[in-house]
């Protein structure tokens, strides 16, 4: 009888514990949910003094960047055109040399060797010209990038005088920012003002 009473008391205790857990658990979750809602509301009310600019979008729409890109592409095409023309002419000369060599058209072996040396020298000069033009193009690209960066950096200082942002972040293809509210994105405003300033200086 005592054993039966003991078992009954243990079962009753377990039932009370389970009931206690079931009754109190939802209340705890409700409190946590309320805290989350409060945090969200307070975050919306107190907007942080930061903003970001999408650099890809800025470069696609900023007229100075577009003009600089057009100039760079034009210079690339000019360089490529010069190299292609000279390479075509050299290839033709080499084919003629090979044809003469096969037909024994040279008066002497010395004359054939002289022609071969001349063509090799011409090929080296073409390679040097190609390297020189590529280097010039690289310097031009670096110069334009520095000018572009300089105009944007100077503008951002002026832009922020009245807005009082503590931080303005650059973002490229969402690499730096995994998530941000749209209200922190000032790309359109910055692009519009940059284009207005650029148009006045033209």
C-alpha atoms as a PDB file:
ATOM      1  CA  UNK A   1       0.000   0.000   0.000  1.00  0.00           C
ATOM      2  CA  UNK A   2       2.827   2.359   0.873  1.00  0.00           C
ATOM      3  CA  UNK A   3       4.499   1.566  -2.468  1.00  0.00           C
ATOM      4  CA  UNK A   4       1.293   2.336  -4.344  1.00  0.00           C
ATOM      5  CA  UNK A   5       0.983   5.670  -2.545  1.00  0.00           C
ATOM      6  CA  UNK A   6       4.613   6.511  -3.347  1.00  0.00           C
ATOM      7  CA  UNK A   7       4.124   5.741  -7.054  1.00  0.00           C
ATOM      8  CA  UNK A   8       0.947   7.815  -7.085  1.00  0.00           C
ATOM      9  CA  UNK A   9       2.792  10.796  -5.512  1.00  0.00           C
ATOM     10  CA  UNK A  10       5.662  10.547  -8.035  1.00  0.00           C
ATOM     11  CA  UNK A  11       3.231  10.441 -11.007  1.00  0.00           C
ATOM     12  CA  UNK A  12       1.307  13.386  -9.563  1.00  0.00           C
ATOM     13  CA  UNK A  13       4.558  15.392  -9.111  1.00  0.00           C
ATOM     14  CA  UNK A  14       5.597  14.710 -12.720  1.00  0.00           C
ATOM     15  CA  UNK A  15       2.143  15.766 -13.957  1.00  0.00           C
ATOM     16  CA  UNK A  16       2.366  19.028 -11.968  1.00  0.00           C
ATOM     17  CA  UNK A  17       5.851  19.753 -13.391  1.00  0.00           C
ATOM     18  CA  UNK A  18       4.678  19.108 -16.984  1.00  0.00           C
ATOM     19  CA  UNK A  19       1.611  21.312 -16.444  1.00  0.00           C
ATOM     20  CA  UNK A  20       3.799  24.043 -14.958  1.00  0.00           C
ATOM     21  CA  UNK A  21       6.157  23.940 -17.988  1.00  0.00           C
ATOM     22  CA  UNK A  22       3.265  24.010 -20.478  1.00  0.00           C
ATOM     23  CA  UNK A  23       1.578  26.952 -18.801  1.00  0.00           C
ATOM     24  CA  UNK A  24       4.685  29.133 -18.371  1.00  0.00           C
ATOM     25  CA  UNK A  25       6.520  28.430 -21.681  1.00  0.00           C
ATOM     26  CA  UNK A  26       4.199  30.392 -24.046  1.00  0.00           C
ATOM     27  CA  UNK A  27       4.362  33.402 -21.731  1.00  0.00           C
ATOM     28  CA  UNK A  28       8.168  33.444 -21.946  1.00  0.00           C
ATOM     29  CA  UNK A  29       8.021  33.277 -25.755  1.00  0.00           C
ATOM     30  CA  UNK A  30       5.462  36.104 -25.830  1.00  0.00           C
ATOM     31  CA  UNK A  31       7.784  38.257 -23.710  1.00  0.00           C
ATOM     32  CA  UNK A  32      10.684  37.513 -26.088  1.00  0.00           C
ATOM     33  CA  UNK A  33       8.528  38.370 -29.131  1.00  0.00           C
ATOM     34  CA  UNK A  34       7.462  41.626 -27.498  1.00  0.00           C
ATOM     35  CA  UNK A  35      11.105  42.507 -26.834  1.00  0.00           C
ATOM     36  CA  UNK A  36      11.974  41.871 -30.502  1.00  0.00           C
ATOM     37  CA  UNK A  37       9.088  44.105 -31.655  1.00  0.00           C
ATOM     38  CA  UNK A  38      10.221  46.854 -29.290  1.00  0.00           C
ATOM     39  CA  UNK A  39      13.772  46.591 -30.647  1.00  0.00           C
ATOM     40  CA  UNK A  40      12.515  46.846 -34.251  1.00  0.00           C
ATOM     41  CA  UNK A  41      10.379  49.875 -33.480  1.00  0.00           C
ATOM     42  CA  UNK A  42      13.197  51.672 -31.659  1.00  0.00           C
ATOM     43  CA  UNK A  43      15.618  50.908 -34.537  1.00  0.00           C
ATOM     44  CA  UNK A  44      13.199  52.510 -37.015  1.00  0.00           C
ATOM     45  CA  UNK A  45      12.695  55.590 -34.855  1.00  0.00           C
ATOM     46  CA  UNK A  46      16.395  56.187 -34.196  1.00  0.00           C
ATOM     47  CA  UNK A  47      17.898  56.133 -37.710  1.00  0.00           C
ATOM     48  CA  UNK A  48      21.659  55.665 -37.588  1.00  0.00           C
ATOM     49  CA  UNK A  49      23.815  58.490 -39.014  1.00  0.00           C
ATOM     50  CA  UNK A  50      25.219  56.270 -41.765  1.00  0.00           C
ATOM     51  CA  UNK A  51      24.545  55.793 -45.488  1.00  0.00           C
ATOM     52  CA  UNK A  52      25.930  53.845 -48.425  1.00  0.00           C
ATOM     53  CA  UNK A  53      26.551  54.430 -52.125  1.00  0.00           C
ATOM     54  CA  UNK A  54      26.374  51.617 -54.688  1.00  0.00           C
ATOM     55  CA  UNK A  55      29.552  52.231 -56.714  1.00  0.00           C
ATOM     56  CA  UNK A  56      28.506  50.060 -59.691  1.00  0.00           C
ATOM     57  CA  UNK A  57      25.323  52.073 -60.134  1.00  0.00           C
ATOM     58  CA  UNK A  58      27.181  55.361 -59.599  1.00  0.00           C
ATOM     59  CA  UNK A  59      29.799  54.592 -62.279  1.00  0.00           C
ATOM     60  CA  UNK A  60      27.110  53.531 -64.757  1.00  0.00           C
ATOM     61  CA  UNK A  61      25.203  56.801 -64.335  1.00  0.00           C
ATOM     62  CA  UNK A  62      27.872  59.415 -63.480  1.00  0.00           C
ATOM     63  CA  UNK A  63      28.617  61.335 -66.689  1.00  0.00           C
ATOM     64  CA  UNK A  64      32.278  61.964 -65.835  1.00  0.00           C
ATOM     65  CA  UNK A  65      32.822  58.207 -65.403  1.00  0.00           C
ATOM     66  CA  UNK A  66      30.975  57.467 -68.666  1.00  0.00           C
ATOM     67  CA  UNK A  67      33.040  60.050 -70.598  1.00  0.00           C
ATOM     68  CA  UNK A  68      36.280  58.727 -69.085  1.00  0.00           C
ATOM     69  CA  UNK A  69      35.335  55.167 -70.066  1.00  0.00           C
ATOM     70  CA  UNK A  70      34.536  56.238 -73.659  1.00  0.00           C
ATOM     71  CA  UNK A  71      37.966  57.951 -73.946  1.00  0.00           C
ATOM     72  CA  UNK A  72      39.725  54.896 -72.568  1.00  0.00           C
ATOM     73  CA  UNK A  73      37.937  52.508 -74.940  1.00  0.00           C
ATOM     74  CA  UNK A  74      38.793  54.823 -77.867  1.00  0.00           C
ATOM     75  CA  UNK A  75      42.498  54.768 -76.941  1.00  0.00           C
ATOM     76  CA  UNK A  76      42.412  50.973 -76.567  1.00  0.00           C
ATOM     77  CA  UNK A  77      40.914  50.641 -80.053  1.00  0.00           C
ATOM     78  CA  UNK A  78      43.514  53.031 -81.533  1.00  0.00           C
ATOM     79  CA  UNK A  79      46.368  51.048 -79.954  1.00  0.00           C
ATOM     80  CA  UNK A  80      44.900  47.751 -81.112  1.00  0.00           C
ATOM     81  CA  UNK A  81      44.449  49.144 -84.634  1.00  0.00           C
ATOM     82  CA  UNK A  82      48.106  50.270 -84.834  1.00  0.00           C
ATOM     83  CA  UNK A  83      49.430  46.904 -83.579  1.00  0.00           C
ATOM     84  CA  UNK A  84      47.099  44.901 -85.849  1.00  0.00           C
ATOM     85  CA  UNK A  85      48.142  46.886 -88.954  1.00  0.00           C
ATOM     86  CA  UNK A  86      51.867  46.555 -88.205  1.00  0.00           C
ATOM     87  CA  UNK A  87      51.531  42.850 -87.326  1.00  0.00           C
ATOM     88  CA  UNK A  88      49.656  42.209 -90.590  1.00  0.00           C
ATOM     89  CA  UNK A  89      52.365  43.951 -92.638  1.00  0.00           C
ATOM     90  CA  UNK A  90      55.125  42.020 -90.846  1.00  0.00           C
ATOM     91  CA  UNK A  91      53.341  38.715 -91.367  1.00  0.00           C
ATOM     92  CA  UNK A  92      53.101  39.471 -95.083  1.00  0.00           C
ATOM     93  CA  UNK A  93      56.844  40.251 -95.255  1.00  0.00           C
ATOM     94  CA  UNK A  94      57.660  37.019 -93.400  1.00  0.00           C
ATOM     95  CA  UNK A  95      55.517  35.002 -95.816  1.00  0.00           C
ATOM     96  CA  UNK A  96      57.325  36.606 -98.787  1.00  0.00           C
ATOM     97  CA  UNK A  97      60.691  35.875 -97.173  1.00  0.00           C
ATOM     98  CA  UNK A  98      59.740  32.211 -96.665  1.00  0.00           C
ATOM     99  CA  UNK A  99      58.569  31.957-100.283  1.00  0.00           C
ATOM    100  CA  UNK A 100      61.851  33.461-101.597  1.00  0.00           C
ATOM    101  CA  UNK A 101      63.835  31.148 -99.344  1.00  0.00           C
ATOM    102  CA  UNK A 102      62.020  28.065-100.667  1.00  0.00           C
ATOM    103  CA  UNK A 103      62.496  29.200-104.315  1.00  0.00           C
ATOM    104  CA  UNK A 104      66.203  30.119-103.834  1.00  0.00           C
ATOM    105  CA  UNK A 105      65.384  33.681-104.893  1.00  0.00           C
ATOM    106  CA  UNK A 106      68.172  35.254-102.793  1.00  0.00           C
ATOM    107  CA  UNK A 107      71.444  35.984-104.591  1.00  0.00           C
ATOM    108  CA  UNK A 108      73.484  34.659-101.676  1.00  0.00           C
ATOM    109  CA  UNK A 109      73.143  33.034 -98.302  1.00  0.00           C
ATOM    110  CA  UNK A 110      74.401  36.242 -96.682  1.00  0.00           C
ATOM    111  CA  UNK A 111      71.579  38.225 -98.299  1.00  0.00           C
ATOM    112  CA  UNK A 112      68.990  35.729 -96.949  1.00  0.00           C
ATOM    113  CA  UNK A 113      70.491  35.956 -93.454  1.00  0.00           C
ATOM    114  CA  UNK A 114      70.431  39.778 -93.596  1.00  0.00           C
ATOM    115  CA  UNK A 115      66.748  39.713 -94.543  1.00  0.00           C
ATOM    116  CA  UNK A 116      65.997  37.269 -91.721  1.00  0.00           C
ATOM    117  CA  UNK A 117      67.810  39.483 -89.175  1.00  0.00           C
ATOM    118  CA  UNK A 118      65.893  42.540 -90.460  1.00  0.00           C
ATOM    119  CA  UNK A 119      62.550  40.758 -90.018  1.00  0.00           C
ATOM    120  CA  UNK A 120      63.493  39.514 -86.529  1.00  0.00           C
ATOM    121  CA  UNK A 121      64.444  43.070 -85.534  1.00  0.00           C
ATOM    122  CA  UNK A 122      61.144  44.346 -86.910  1.00  0.00           C
ATOM    123  CA  UNK A 123      59.296  41.707 -84.877  1.00  0.00           C
ATOM    124  CA  UNK A 124      61.131  42.770 -81.688  1.00  0.00           C
ATOM    125  CA  UNK A 125      60.283  46.431 -82.380  1.00  0.00           C
ATOM    126  CA  UNK A 126      56.620  45.496 -82.794  1.00  0.00           C
ATOM    127  CA  UNK A 127      56.648  43.629 -79.460  1.00  0.00           C
ATOM    128  CA  UNK A 128      58.274  46.637 -77.779  1.00  0.00           C
ATOM    129  CA  UNK A 129      55.676  48.977 -79.308  1.00  0.00           C
ATOM    130  CA  UNK A 130      52.871  46.702 -78.075  1.00  0.00           C
ATOM    131  CA  UNK A 131      54.338  46.718 -74.546  1.00  0.00           C
ATOM    132  CA  UNK A 132      54.804  50.528 -74.677  1.00  0.00           C
ATOM    133  CA  UNK A 133      51.204  51.144 -75.798  1.00  0.00           C
ATOM    134  CA  UNK A 134      49.874  48.760 -73.122  1.00  0.00           C
ATOM    135  CA  UNK A 135      51.922  50.594 -70.475  1.00  0.00           C
ATOM    136  CA  UNK A 136      50.652  53.988 -71.668  1.00  0.00           C
ATOM    137  CA  UNK A 137      47.097  52.686 -71.602  1.00  0.00           C
ATOM    138  CA  UNK A 138      47.583  51.340 -68.063  1.00  0.00           C
ATOM    139  CA  UNK A 139      48.891  54.737 -66.899  1.00  0.00           C
ATOM    140  CA  UNK A 140      45.959  56.489 -68.570  1.00  0.00           C
ATOM    141  CA  UNK A 141      43.515  54.141 -66.873  1.00  0.00           C
ATOM    142  CA  UNK A 142      45.169  54.713 -63.481  1.00  0.00           C
ATOM    143  CA  UNK A 143      45.091  58.497 -64.018  1.00  0.00           C
ATOM    144  CA  UNK A 144      41.382  58.426 -64.875  1.00  0.00           C
ATOM    145  CA  UNK A 145      40.620  56.210 -61.866  1.00  0.00           C
ATOM    146  CA  UNK A 146      42.464  58.644 -59.573  1.00  0.00           C
ATOM    147  CA  UNK A 147      40.608  61.627 -61.080  1.00  0.00           C
ATOM    148  CA  UNK A 148      37.297  59.847 -60.651  1.00  0.00           C
ATOM    149  CA  UNK A 149      38.076  58.864 -57.049  1.00  0.00           C
ATOM    150  CA  UNK A 150      39.246  62.414 -56.331  1.00  0.00           C
ATOM    151  CA  UNK A 151      36.069  64.037 -57.701  1.00  0.00           C
ATOM    152  CA  UNK A 152      33.852  61.654 -55.715  1.00  0.00           C
ATOM    153  CA  UNK A 153      35.832  62.032 -52.461  1.00  0.00           C
ATOM    154  CA  UNK A 154      35.858  65.844 -52.681  1.00  0.00           C
ATOM    155  CA  UNK A 155      32.167  65.887 -53.499  1.00  0.00           C
ATOM    156  CA  UNK A 156      31.271  63.614 -50.572  1.00  0.00           C
ATOM    157  CA  UNK A 157      32.848  66.073 -48.125  1.00  0.00           C
ATOM    158  CA  UNK A 158      30.739  68.928 -49.541  1.00  0.00           C
ATOM    159  CA  UNK A 159      27.675  66.696 -49.734  1.00  0.00           C
ATOM    160  CA  UNK A 160      27.942  65.719 -46.065  1.00  0.00           C
ATOM    161  CA  UNK A 161      28.341  69.243 -44.646  1.00  0.00           C
ATOM    162  CA  UNK A 162      24.587  69.666 -44.119  1.00  0.00           C
ATOM    163  CA  UNK A 163      23.624  66.012 -43.790  1.00  0.00           C
ATOM    164  CA  UNK A 164      25.893  65.139 -40.838  1.00  0.00           C
ATOM    165  CA  UNK A 165      26.467  61.481 -41.643  1.00  0.00           C
ATOM    166  CA  UNK A 166      29.061  59.862 -39.387  1.00  0.00           C
ATOM    167  CA  UNK A 167      29.887  57.302 -42.067  1.00  0.00           C
ATOM    168  CA  UNK A 168      29.220  56.875 -45.798  1.00  0.00           C
ATOM    169  CA  UNK A 169      30.122  53.411 -47.076  1.00  0.00           C
ATOM    170  CA  UNK A 170      30.905  52.404 -50.662  1.00  0.00           C
ATOM    171  CA  UNK A 171      29.264  49.185 -51.790  1.00  0.00           C
ATOM    172  CA  UNK A 172      30.126  47.178 -54.917  1.00  0.00           C
ATOM    173  CA  UNK A 173      27.696  44.477 -56.125  1.00  0.00           C
ATOM    174  CA  UNK A 174      26.544  43.981 -52.503  1.00  0.00           C
ATOM    175  CA  UNK A 175      30.042  42.723 -51.566  1.00  0.00           C
ATOM    176  CA  UNK A 176      30.428  44.862 -48.458  1.00  0.00           C
ATOM    177  CA  UNK A 177      26.834  45.105 -47.259  1.00  0.00           C
ATOM    178  CA  UNK A 178      24.906  41.877 -46.793  1.00  0.00           C
ATOM    179  CA  UNK A 179      21.717  43.711 -45.846  1.00  0.00           C
ATOM    180  CA  UNK A 180      20.710  47.347 -45.438  1.00  0.00           C
ATOM    181  CA  UNK A 181      17.405  49.170 -45.453  1.00  0.00           C
ATOM    182  CA  UNK A 182      16.720  51.167 -48.638  1.00  0.00           C
ATOM    183  CA  UNK A 183      16.495  54.370 -46.625  1.00  0.00           C
ATOM    184  CA  UNK A 184      20.286  54.158 -46.070  1.00  0.00           C
ATOM    185  CA  UNK A 185      20.963  54.033 -49.843  1.00  0.00           C
ATOM    186  CA  UNK A 186      21.863  57.536 -51.089  1.00  0.00           C
ATOM    187  CA  UNK A 187      23.197  56.456 -54.532  1.00  0.00           C
ATOM    188  CA  UNK A 188      20.511  58.203 -56.615  1.00  0.00           C
ATOM    189  CA  UNK A 189      20.842  61.482 -54.728  1.00  0.00           C
ATOM    190  CA  UNK A 190      24.655  61.452 -54.951  1.00  0.00           C
ATOM    191  CA  UNK A 191      24.630  60.548 -58.676  1.00  0.00           C
ATOM    192  CA  UNK A 192      22.141  63.316 -59.495  1.00  0.00           C
ATOM    193  CA  UNK A 193      24.150  65.960 -57.618  1.00  0.00           C
ATOM    194  CA  UNK A 194      27.459  64.777 -59.113  1.00  0.00           C
ATOM    195  CA  UNK A 195      25.998  65.003 -62.640  1.00  0.00           C
ATOM    196  CA  UNK A 196      24.635  68.492 -61.920  1.00  0.00           C
ATOM    197  CA  UNK A 197      28.059  69.633 -60.732  1.00  0.00           C
ATOM    198  CA  UNK A 198      29.801  68.000 -63.722  1.00  0.00           C
ATOM    199  CA  UNK A 199      27.367  69.646 -66.191  1.00  0.00           C
ATOM    200  CA  UNK A 200      28.123  73.091 -64.710  1.00  0.00           C
ATOM    201  CA  UNK A 201      31.893  72.594 -65.128  1.00  0.00           C
ATOM    202  CA  UNK A 202      31.646  71.585 -68.808  1.00  0.00           C
END
